[in-house]
Amino acid sequence: MYSLFQNVSTSTLEQISMILTLIAAVLVFFVFPKIMRDLHRDLMKKK
């Protein structure tokens, strides 16, 4: 019984970490280009 619970908890943790990784990837994919564009615009203003 205990080992079964252990297996369930580890698989749930793996799923949660996988979901968090996907969310992080999506955030990087959408936010990073915007940040780079803003930085690029600021650099162009300074010149």
PDB file of N, CA and C in Angstrom:
ATOM      1  N   MET A   1       0.839  -1.202   0.000  1.00  0.00           N
ATOM      2  CA  MET A   1       0.000   0.000   0.000  1.00  0.00           C
ATOM      3  C   MET A   1       0.872   1.249   0.000  1.00  0.00           C
ATOM      4  N   TYR A   2       1.888   1.226   0.871  1.00  0.00           N
ATOM      5  CA  TYR A   2       2.760   2.404   0.972  1.00  0.00           C
ATOM      6  C   TYR A   2       3.551   2.620  -0.317  1.00  0.00           C
ATOM      7  N   SER A   3       4.062   1.519  -0.883  1.00  0.00           N
ATOM      8  CA  SER A   3       4.837   1.631  -2.130  1.00  0.00           C
ATOM      9  C   SER A   3       3.947   2.140  -3.262  1.00  0.00           C
ATOM     10  N   LEU A   4       2.692   1.711  -3.282  1.00  0.00           N
ATOM     11  CA  LEU A   4       1.750   2.169  -4.300  1.00  0.00           C
ATOM     12  C   LEU A   4       1.571   3.680  -4.193  1.00  0.00           C
ATOM     13  N   PHE A   5       1.373   4.163  -2.957  1.00  0.00           N
ATOM     14  CA  PHE A   5       1.218   5.602  -2.726  1.00  0.00           C
ATOM     15  C   PHE A   5       2.475   6.349  -3.162  1.00  0.00           C
ATOM     16  N   GLN A   6       3.633   5.759  -2.867  1.00  0.00           N
ATOM     17  CA  GLN A   6       4.901   6.367  -3.256  1.00  0.00           C
ATOM     18  C   GLN A   6       4.983   6.517  -4.777  1.00  0.00           C
ATOM     19  N   ASN A   7       4.601   5.462  -5.492  1.00  0.00           N
ATOM     20  CA  ASN A   7       4.619   5.513  -6.951  1.00  0.00           C
ATOM     21  C   ASN A   7       3.682   6.591  -7.475  1.00  0.00           C
ATOM     22  N   VAL A   8       2.503   6.684  -6.887  1.00  0.00           N
ATOM     23  CA  VAL A   8       1.524   7.682  -7.329  1.00  0.00           C
ATOM     24  C   VAL A   8       2.078   9.077  -7.093  1.00  0.00           C
ATOM     25  N   SER A   9       2.664   9.314  -5.913  1.00  0.00           N
ATOM     26  CA  SER A   9       3.163  10.648  -5.591  1.00  0.00           C
ATOM     27  C   SER A   9       4.309  11.037  -6.537  1.00  0.00           C
ATOM     28  N   THR A  10       5.205  10.098  -6.838  1.00  0.00           N
ATOM     29  CA  THR A  10       6.323  10.432  -7.722  1.00  0.00           C
ATOM     30  C   THR A  10       5.822  10.743  -9.133  1.00  0.00           C
ATOM     31  N   SER A  11       4.853   9.960  -9.619  1.00  0.00           N
ATOM     32  CA  SER A  11       4.338  10.212 -10.969  1.00  0.00           C
ATOM     33  C   SER A  11       3.618  11.559 -11.014  1.00  0.00           C
ATOM     34  N   THR A  12       2.900  11.907  -9.939  1.00  0.00           N
ATOM     35  CA  THR A  12       2.221  13.202  -9.879  1.00  0.00           C
ATOM     36  C   THR A  12       3.246  14.322  -9.886  1.00  0.00           C
ATOM     37  N   LEU A  13       4.316  14.159  -9.115  1.00  0.00           N
ATOM     38  CA  LEU A  13       5.374  15.177  -9.092  1.00  0.00           C
ATOM     39  C   LEU A  13       5.992  15.332 -10.477  1.00  0.00           C
ATOM     40  N   GLU A  14       6.200  14.213 -11.163  1.00  0.00           N
ATOM     41  CA  GLU A  14       6.758  14.283 -12.516  1.00  0.00           C
ATOM     42  C   GLU A  14       5.821  15.028 -13.452  1.00  0.00           C
ATOM     43  N   GLN A  15       4.514  14.757 -13.334  1.00  0.00           N
ATOM     44  CA  GLN A  15       3.537  15.457 -14.170  1.00  0.00           C
ATOM     45  C   GLN A  15       3.555  16.946 -13.868  1.00  0.00           C
ATOM     46  N   ILE A  16       3.593  17.298 -12.578  1.00  0.00           N
ATOM     47  CA  ILE A  16       3.605  18.721 -12.190  1.00  0.00           C
ATOM     48  C   ILE A  16       4.856  19.398 -12.738  1.00  0.00           C
ATOM     49  N   SER A  17       6.010  18.754 -12.588  1.00  0.00           N
ATOM     50  CA  SER A  17       7.260  19.346 -13.087  1.00  0.00           C
ATOM     51  C   SER A  17       7.212  19.490 -14.606  1.00  0.00           C
ATOM     52  N   MET A  18       6.599  18.503 -15.284  1.00  0.00           N
ATOM     53  CA  MET A  18       6.481  18.576 -16.741  1.00  0.00           C
ATOM     54  C   MET A  18       5.585  19.754 -17.141  1.00  0.00           C
ATOM     55  N   ILE A  19       4.473  19.922 -16.424  1.00  0.00           N
ATOM     56  CA  ILE A  19       3.559  21.035 -16.709  1.00  0.00           C
ATOM     57  C   ILE A  19       4.266  22.358 -16.450  1.00  0.00           C
ATOM     58  N   LEU A  20       4.997  22.452 -15.345  1.00  0.00           N
ATOM     59  CA  LEU A  20       5.732  23.680 -15.035  1.00  0.00           C
ATOM     60  C   LEU A  20       6.764  23.971 -16.119  1.00  0.00           C
ATOM     61  N   THR A  21       7.440  22.935 -16.595  1.00  0.00           N
ATOM     62  CA  THR A  21       8.417  23.119 -17.666  1.00  0.00           C
ATOM     63  C   THR A  21       7.747  23.633 -18.934  1.00  0.00           C
ATOM     64  N   LEU A  22       6.569  23.085 -19.255  1.00  0.00           N
ATOM     65  CA  LEU A  22       5.832  23.545 -20.431  1.00  0.00           C
ATOM     66  C   LEU A  22       5.424  25.008 -20.274  1.00  0.00           C
ATOM     67  N   ILE A  23       4.929  25.368 -19.084  1.00  0.00           N
ATOM     68  CA  ILE A  23       4.529  26.759 -18.832  1.00  0.00           C
ATOM     69  C   ILE A  23       5.740  27.675 -18.978  1.00  0.00           C
ATOM     70  N   ALA A  24       6.873  27.273 -18.401  1.00  0.00           N
ATOM     71  CA  ALA A  24       8.089  28.076 -18.503  1.00  0.00           C
ATOM     72  C   ALA A  24       8.508  28.239 -19.964  1.00  0.00           C
ATOM     73  N   ALA A  25       8.422  27.156 -20.734  1.00  0.00           N
ATOM     74  CA  ALA A  25       8.794  27.216 -22.149  1.00  0.00           C
ATOM     75  C   ALA A  25       7.887  28.186 -22.904  1.00  0.00           C
ATOM     76  N   VAL A  26       6.584  28.114 -22.624  1.00  0.00           N
ATOM     77  CA  VAL A  26       5.629  29.018 -23.285  1.00  0.00           C
ATOM     78  C   VAL A  26       5.919  30.473 -22.895  1.00  0.00           C
ATOM     79  N   LEU A  27       6.180  30.703 -21.606  1.00  0.00           N
ATOM     80  CA  LEU A  27       6.484  32.064 -21.148  1.00  0.00           C
ATOM     81  C   LEU A  27       7.730  32.593 -21.849  1.00  0.00           C
ATOM     82  N   VAL A  28       8.779  31.769 -21.894  1.00  0.00           N
ATOM     83  CA  VAL A  28      10.014  32.193 -22.568  1.00  0.00           C
ATOM     84  C   VAL A  28       9.724  32.479 -24.046  1.00  0.00           C
ATOM     85  N   PHE A  29       8.945  31.602 -24.667  1.00  0.00           N
ATOM     86  CA  PHE A  29       8.650  31.728 -26.096  1.00  0.00           C
ATOM     87  C   PHE A  29       7.926  33.035 -26.406  1.00  0.00           C
ATOM     88  N   PHE A  30       6.994  33.446 -25.511  1.00  0.00           N
ATOM     89  CA  PHE A  30       6.215  34.664 -25.771  1.00  0.00           C
ATOM     90  C   PHE A  30       6.855  35.915 -25.181  1.00  0.00           C
ATOM     91  N   VAL A  31       7.421  35.796 -23.984  1.00  0.00           N
ATOM     92  CA  VAL A  31       7.923  36.986 -23.284  1.00  0.00           C
ATOM     93  C   VAL A  31       9.303  37.395 -23.778  1.00  0.00           C
ATOM     94  N   PHE A  32      10.169  36.416 -24.039  1.00  0.00           N
ATOM     95  CA  PHE A  32      11.557  36.726 -24.410  1.00  0.00           C
ATOM     96  C   PHE A  32      11.647  37.619 -25.653  1.00  0.00           C
ATOM     97  N   PRO A  33      10.933  37.325 -26.759  1.00  0.00           N
ATOM     98  CA  PRO A  33      11.008  38.209 -27.935  1.00  0.00           C
ATOM     99  C   PRO A  33      10.552  39.632 -27.621  1.00  0.00           C
ATOM    100  N   LYS A  34       9.545  39.771 -26.781  1.00  0.00           N
ATOM    101  CA  LYS A  34       9.053  41.096 -26.409  1.00  0.00           C
ATOM    102  C   LYS A  34      10.129  41.867 -25.646  1.00  0.00           C
ATOM    103  N   ILE A  35      10.785  41.189 -24.691  1.00  0.00           N
ATOM    104  CA  ILE A  35      11.853  41.829 -23.922  1.00  0.00           C
ATOM    105  C   ILE A  35      12.992  42.231 -24.863  1.00  0.00           C
ATOM    106  N   MET A  36      13.366  41.340 -25.763  1.00  0.00           N
ATOM    107  CA  MET A  36      14.450  41.653 -26.698  1.00  0.00           C
ATOM    108  C   MET A  36      14.079  42.844 -27.575  1.00  0.00           C
ATOM    109  N   ARG A  37      12.826  42.917 -28.012  1.00  0.00           N
ATOM    110  CA  ARG A  37      12.382  44.026 -28.843  1.00  0.00           C
ATOM    111  C   ARG A  37      12.459  45.338 -28.059  1.00  0.00           C
ATOM    112  N   ASP A  38      12.012  45.308 -26.785  1.00  0.00           N
ATOM    113  CA  ASP A  38      12.074  46.507 -25.954  1.00  0.00           C
ATOM    114  C   ASP A  38      13.525  46.941 -25.733  1.00  0.00           C
ATOM    115  N   LEU A  39      14.400  45.976 -25.439  1.00  0.00           N
ATOM    116  CA  LEU A  39      15.817  46.294 -25.244  1.00  0.00           C
ATOM    117  C   LEU A  39      16.407  46.893 -26.521  1.00  0.00           C
ATOM    118  N   HIS A  40      16.079  46.311 -27.643  1.00  0.00           N
ATOM    119  CA  HIS A  40      16.586  46.790 -28.930  1.00  0.00           C
ATOM    120  C   HIS A  40      16.133  48.227 -29.171  1.00  0.00           C
ATOM    121  N   ARG A  41      14.863  48.515 -28.863  1.00  0.00           N
ATOM    122  CA  ARG A  41      14.335  49.861 -29.050  1.00  0.00           C
ATOM    123  C   ARG A  41      15.059  50.856 -28.130  1.00  0.00           C
ATOM    124  N   ASP A  42      15.298  50.458 -26.881  1.00  0.00           N
ATOM    125  CA  ASP A  42      16.008  51.336 -25.946  1.00  0.00           C
ATOM    126  C   ASP A  42      17.428  51.603 -26.445  1.00  0.00           C
ATOM    127  N   LEU A  43      18.096  50.584 -26.957  1.00  0.00           N
ATOM    128  CA  LEU A  43      19.452  50.772 -27.476  1.00  0.00           C
ATOM    129  C   LEU A  43      19.442  51.730 -28.662  1.00  0.00           C
ATOM    130  N   MET A  44      18.436  51.617 -29.518  1.00  0.00           N
ATOM    131  CA  MET A  44      18.356  52.507 -30.683  1.00  0.00           C
ATOM    132  C   MET A  44      18.109  53.956 -30.253  1.00  0.00           C
ATOM    133  N   LYS A  45      17.341  54.149 -29.182  1.00  0.00           N
ATOM    134  CA  LYS A  45      17.088  55.514 -28.697  1.00  0.00           C
ATOM    135  C   LYS A  45      18.374  56.170 -28.208  1.00  0.00           C
ATOM    136  N   LYS A  46      19.224  55.377 -27.530  1.00  0.00           N
ATOM    137  CA  LYS A  46      20.444  55.936 -26.925  1.00  0.00           C
ATOM    138  C   LYS A  46      21.430  56.422 -27.985  1.00  0.00           C
ATOM    139  N   LYS A  47      21.429  55.787 -29.157  1.00  0.00           N
ATOM    140  CA  LYS A  47      22.436  56.144 -30.171  1.00  0.00           C
ATOM    141  C   LYS A  47      22.208  57.521 -30.768  1.00  0.00           C
TER     142      LYS A  47
END
